[in-house]
Protein backbone atom coordinates (compact mmCIF):
# COMPACT_ATOMS: atom_id res chain seq x y z
CA MET A 1 -10.22 170.77 297.21
CA PRO A 2 -13.20 172.20 295.30
CA LYS A 3 -15.85 169.89 293.93
CA LYS A 4 -15.69 169.29 290.21
CA THR A 5 -18.82 169.78 288.17
CA PHE A 6 -19.54 169.60 284.49
CA TYR A 7 -22.28 171.59 282.69
CA LYS A 8 -23.41 171.64 279.04
CA ILE A 9 -24.61 174.96 277.81
CA LEU A 10 -26.28 175.68 274.42
CA ILE A 11 -26.27 178.97 272.56
CA LEU A 12 -29.26 179.22 270.28
CA GLY A 13 -30.51 181.87 267.85
CA ASP A 14 -30.59 183.00 264.24
CA ALA A 15 -27.48 183.17 261.97
CA GLY A 16 -25.56 186.40 262.43
CA VAL A 17 -26.84 187.35 265.89
CA GLY A 18 -23.37 186.84 267.36
CA LYS A 19 -23.50 183.49 269.05
CA THR A 20 -19.96 182.51 268.07
CA SER A 21 -18.69 185.97 269.05
CA ILE A 22 -20.30 185.63 272.47
CA MET A 23 -18.79 182.19 272.96
CA ARG A 24 -15.27 183.26 271.87
CA ARG A 25 -15.39 186.50 273.87
CA TYR A 26 -16.32 184.53 277.03
CA THR A 27 -13.87 181.62 276.58
CA ASP A 28 -10.92 183.29 275.01
CA ASN A 29 -11.58 187.02 275.38
CA ILE A 30 -11.37 187.31 271.58
CA PHE A 31 -13.58 189.35 269.19
CA SER A 32 -13.38 189.49 265.39
CA HIS A 33 -15.43 191.55 262.96
CA LEU A 34 -15.03 188.79 260.38
CA TYR A 35 -18.23 186.72 260.23
CA LYS A 36 -18.06 183.07 259.41
CA ALA A 37 -21.22 180.94 259.72
CA THR A 38 -21.13 177.97 262.08
CA ILE A 39 -21.53 174.67 260.24
CA GLY A 40 -23.61 172.26 262.26
CA ALA A 41 -22.26 172.96 265.75
CA ASP A 42 -18.96 173.76 267.57
CA PHE A 43 -18.05 173.90 271.21
CA LEU A 44 -15.46 175.42 273.50
CA SER A 45 -14.76 174.66 277.15
CA LYS A 46 -14.00 176.97 280.08
CA GLN A 47 -13.39 176.27 283.75
CA ILE A 48 -14.65 178.68 286.41
CA TYR A 49 -14.96 178.72 290.22
CA CYS A 50 -18.59 179.04 291.34
CA GLU A 51 -19.13 178.91 295.16
CA ASP A 52 -17.15 175.80 296.27
CA LYS A 53 -17.22 174.14 292.89
CA LEU A 54 -14.68 174.03 290.00
CA VAL A 55 -17.14 174.09 287.14
CA THR A 56 -16.20 173.00 283.62
CA LEU A 57 -18.56 174.50 281.04
CA GLN A 58 -18.90 172.88 277.65
CA ILE A 59 -20.39 175.60 275.52
CA TRP A 60 -22.08 174.61 272.25
CA ASP A 61 -22.44 177.14 269.47
CA THR A 62 -25.20 175.81 267.16
CA ALA A 63 -25.85 176.82 263.55
CA GLY A 64 -28.59 179.39 263.07
CA GLN A 65 -29.24 178.49 259.42
CA GLU A 66 -32.58 176.75 258.79
CA ARG A 67 -30.90 173.87 256.90
CA PHE A 68 -29.03 172.74 260.02
CA GLN A 69 -31.88 173.04 262.51
CA SER A 70 -32.80 169.36 261.97
CA LEU A 71 -29.47 168.52 263.75
CA GLY A 72 -30.84 170.11 266.93
CA THR A 73 -32.10 167.03 268.64
CA ALA A 74 -28.65 165.47 268.82
CA PHE A 75 -27.16 168.55 270.42
CA TYR A 76 -30.04 169.51 272.62
CA ARG A 77 -30.20 166.38 274.66
CA GLY A 78 -28.36 166.43 278.05
CA SER A 79 -28.02 170.20 278.14
CA ASP A 80 -27.98 171.90 281.56
CA GLY A 81 -28.71 175.46 280.46
CA VAL A 82 -29.60 177.47 277.29
CA ILE A 83 -28.73 180.97 276.19
CA PHE A 84 -31.12 182.32 273.51
CA VAL A 85 -29.50 185.18 271.53
CA TYR A 86 -31.09 187.83 269.36
CA ASP A 87 -29.60 190.91 267.69
CA THR A 88 -30.82 194.11 269.19
CA THR A 89 -30.50 195.77 265.77
CA ASN A 90 -32.59 193.10 264.03
CA SER A 91 -36.19 192.76 265.13
CA ALA A 92 -36.70 189.59 263.03
CA SER A 93 -34.04 187.74 265.09
CA PHE A 94 -36.00 188.56 268.24
CA ASP A 95 -39.35 187.50 266.65
CA HIS A 96 -37.66 184.12 265.94
CA ILE A 97 -36.70 183.47 269.55
CA GLN A 98 -40.12 181.92 270.27
CA ASN A 99 -39.40 179.39 267.53
CA TRP A 100 -36.04 178.53 268.97
CA TYR A 101 -37.64 178.22 272.45
CA ASP A 102 -40.40 175.97 271.20
CA GLU A 103 -38.05 173.92 269.14
CA TYR A 104 -35.78 173.29 272.06
CA LEU A 105 -38.61 172.15 274.24
CA VAL A 106 -39.74 169.68 271.58
CA SER A 107 -36.21 168.47 270.58
CA SER A 108 -35.06 168.00 274.12
CA GLY A 109 -37.64 165.26 274.34
CA GLY A 110 -39.57 166.82 277.24
CA GLU A 111 -36.69 166.05 279.62
CA ASN A 112 -36.76 169.62 280.96
CA SER A 113 -39.58 171.45 282.63
CA PRO A 114 -39.66 174.94 281.06
CA GLU A 115 -40.70 176.67 284.36
CA LYS A 116 -37.64 175.30 286.17
CA PHE A 117 -35.00 174.88 283.48
CA PRO A 118 -32.16 177.44 283.39
CA PHE A 119 -32.85 179.69 280.32
CA ILE A 120 -31.55 183.19 279.68
CA LEU A 121 -32.41 185.60 276.85
CA VAL A 122 -29.50 187.74 275.58
CA GLY A 123 -29.71 190.73 273.28
CA ASN A 124 -26.36 191.13 271.56
CA LYS A 125 -24.81 194.29 269.84
CA SER A 126 -25.85 196.55 272.67
CA ASP A 127 -22.98 198.81 271.66
CA GLN A 128 -24.81 199.86 268.43
CA THR A 129 -27.20 202.17 270.25
CA ASP A 130 -28.14 204.16 267.12
CA LEU A 131 -29.41 200.99 265.40
CA PHE A 132 -31.64 199.42 268.12
CA GLN A 133 -34.79 197.81 266.86
CA VAL A 134 -35.80 195.77 269.88
CA THR A 135 -36.74 197.68 273.12
CA PRO A 136 -35.88 196.22 276.53
CA SER A 137 -39.54 196.36 277.50
CA LYS A 138 -40.47 194.16 274.51
CA ALA A 139 -37.90 191.59 275.36
CA GLU A 140 -38.78 191.61 279.05
CA GLN A 141 -42.50 191.18 278.26
CA TRP A 142 -41.62 188.08 276.30
CA CYS A 143 -39.58 186.78 279.21
CA LYS A 144 -42.37 187.36 281.61
CA LYS A 145 -44.69 185.30 279.45
CA ASN A 146 -42.10 182.51 279.40
CA HIS A 147 -41.68 181.76 283.13
CA ASN A 148 -39.93 185.00 283.98
CA MET A 149 -36.80 184.12 281.94
CA MET A 150 -33.80 186.31 282.76
CA HIS A 151 -32.91 188.90 280.14
CA LEU A 152 -29.60 190.77 279.55
CA ARG A 153 -28.45 193.13 276.81
CA VAL A 154 -24.76 192.33 275.96
CA SER A 155 -22.07 193.25 273.53
CA ALA A 156 -19.51 190.69 272.37
CA LYS A 157 -17.59 193.58 270.79
CA ASP A 158 -16.94 195.50 273.94
CA CYS A 159 -17.54 192.61 276.35
CA THR A 160 -20.51 194.24 278.09
CA ASN A 161 -22.32 191.79 280.37
CA ILE A 162 -20.76 188.72 278.75
CA GLU A 163 -19.27 187.41 281.97
CA GLN A 164 -22.42 188.20 283.76
CA ALA A 165 -24.64 186.33 281.46
CA PHE A 166 -22.74 183.05 281.79
CA TYR A 167 -22.09 183.35 285.47
CA ASN A 168 -25.72 184.12 286.23
CA LEU A 169 -26.87 181.17 284.10
CA VAL A 170 -24.42 178.88 285.93
CA MET A 171 -25.84 180.03 289.24
CA LYS A 172 -29.30 179.20 287.98
CA ILE A 173 -28.06 175.75 287.00
CA ILE A 174 -26.62 175.14 290.40
CA GLU A 175 -29.73 176.31 292.10
CA THR A 176 -31.87 174.08 289.86
CA ASN A 177 -29.76 171.10 290.79
CA ARG A 178 -30.30 171.88 294.44
CA ASP A 179 -34.06 171.95 293.69
CA ASP A 180 -34.35 175.30 295.59
CA ASN A 181 -36.10 178.43 294.55
CA LEU A 182 -34.49 179.56 291.39
CA LEU A 183 -34.91 183.29 291.67
CA GLU A 184 -34.72 184.46 295.30
CA ASP A 185 -31.34 183.36 296.60
CA LEU A 186 -29.11 183.63 293.53
CA ASN A 187 -25.71 185.38 293.99
CA LEU A 188 -25.85 187.08 290.66
CA LEU A 189 -23.16 189.33 289.20
CA PRO A 190 -24.32 193.00 288.62
CA VAL A 191 -25.02 193.86 285.00
CA ALA A 192 -23.97 197.06 283.20
CA ASP A 193 -26.63 199.78 283.04
CA LEU A 194 -27.18 200.35 279.30
CA GLY A 195 -30.01 202.85 279.76
CA ASP A 196 -33.22 202.69 277.82
CA PHE A 197 -34.25 203.64 274.30
CA ASP A 198 -37.39 204.09 272.19
CA GLU A 199 -36.09 204.94 268.77
CA GLU A 200 -37.27 204.25 265.28
CA PRO A 201 -35.34 201.51 263.43
CA LYS A 202 -32.39 202.83 261.44
CA LYS A 203 -30.32 201.32 258.65
CA LYS A 204 -28.63 198.22 259.80
CA CYS A 205 -24.85 197.83 260.03
CA MET A 206 -23.41 194.29 259.34
CA CYS A 207 -20.50 194.71 261.72
C-alpha cells in the first residue's frame, strides 16, 4: 500500500500567460483557445504516483490581475511548491516575475526559506517560435540569481514539458521534506529539447 501525501502547489504570473491552460492541460489534458480571466483563485486536484507515494496535488490557479493580488496572502500560506509562469512571447510578463517572486516571499510570512523552497520558472507558449521575446539564456540568468531555480519552456497548447514541470517540482518537494540535497539526487523526467533562439520580437498573437 503506497503512502498517501498531500501537496499544495501555486501557479503565479501575469494575466494571460496561460496559468489556467497549464493547470487544465496537466489535470484534465484539456486545452482551449478561449481565454477567460481567473477571478480570485481556483484549484483542481490530481493524484500521481511518485516513488512509493500516492501524491494528491491541490493546484491553485491564482488571478494575475493587479486588483486581485491583495488576496495573495490567504492563498500563499501553507503552499508546498510554486510554479512561476511567464509568456515567452511577452517580455513584460517575464520582467514581472521578480515582483511575483518577491510578493510570494513577503505574503507567505517568511515561512519558507527561498534557497530551499521548491520553486520552478516556466515559460509558456513555446510552440509560438516565431514570436519569442524572452531568450532561454535571459530566463536562466534570472534563475541563477535566485538560488538556481529550475527553468523549463513549456506549451499548454501542444503539451510540451507540462508533465515534466509538475513531476520535477513534486520531486523537489519530496526532497525538501527529506531535508536532503535538493539538486543532486532528483529522479527528474527528461524535458523536450526546444532548441535555442535569438530573434527580434515580432508581432504578438493573442492565441
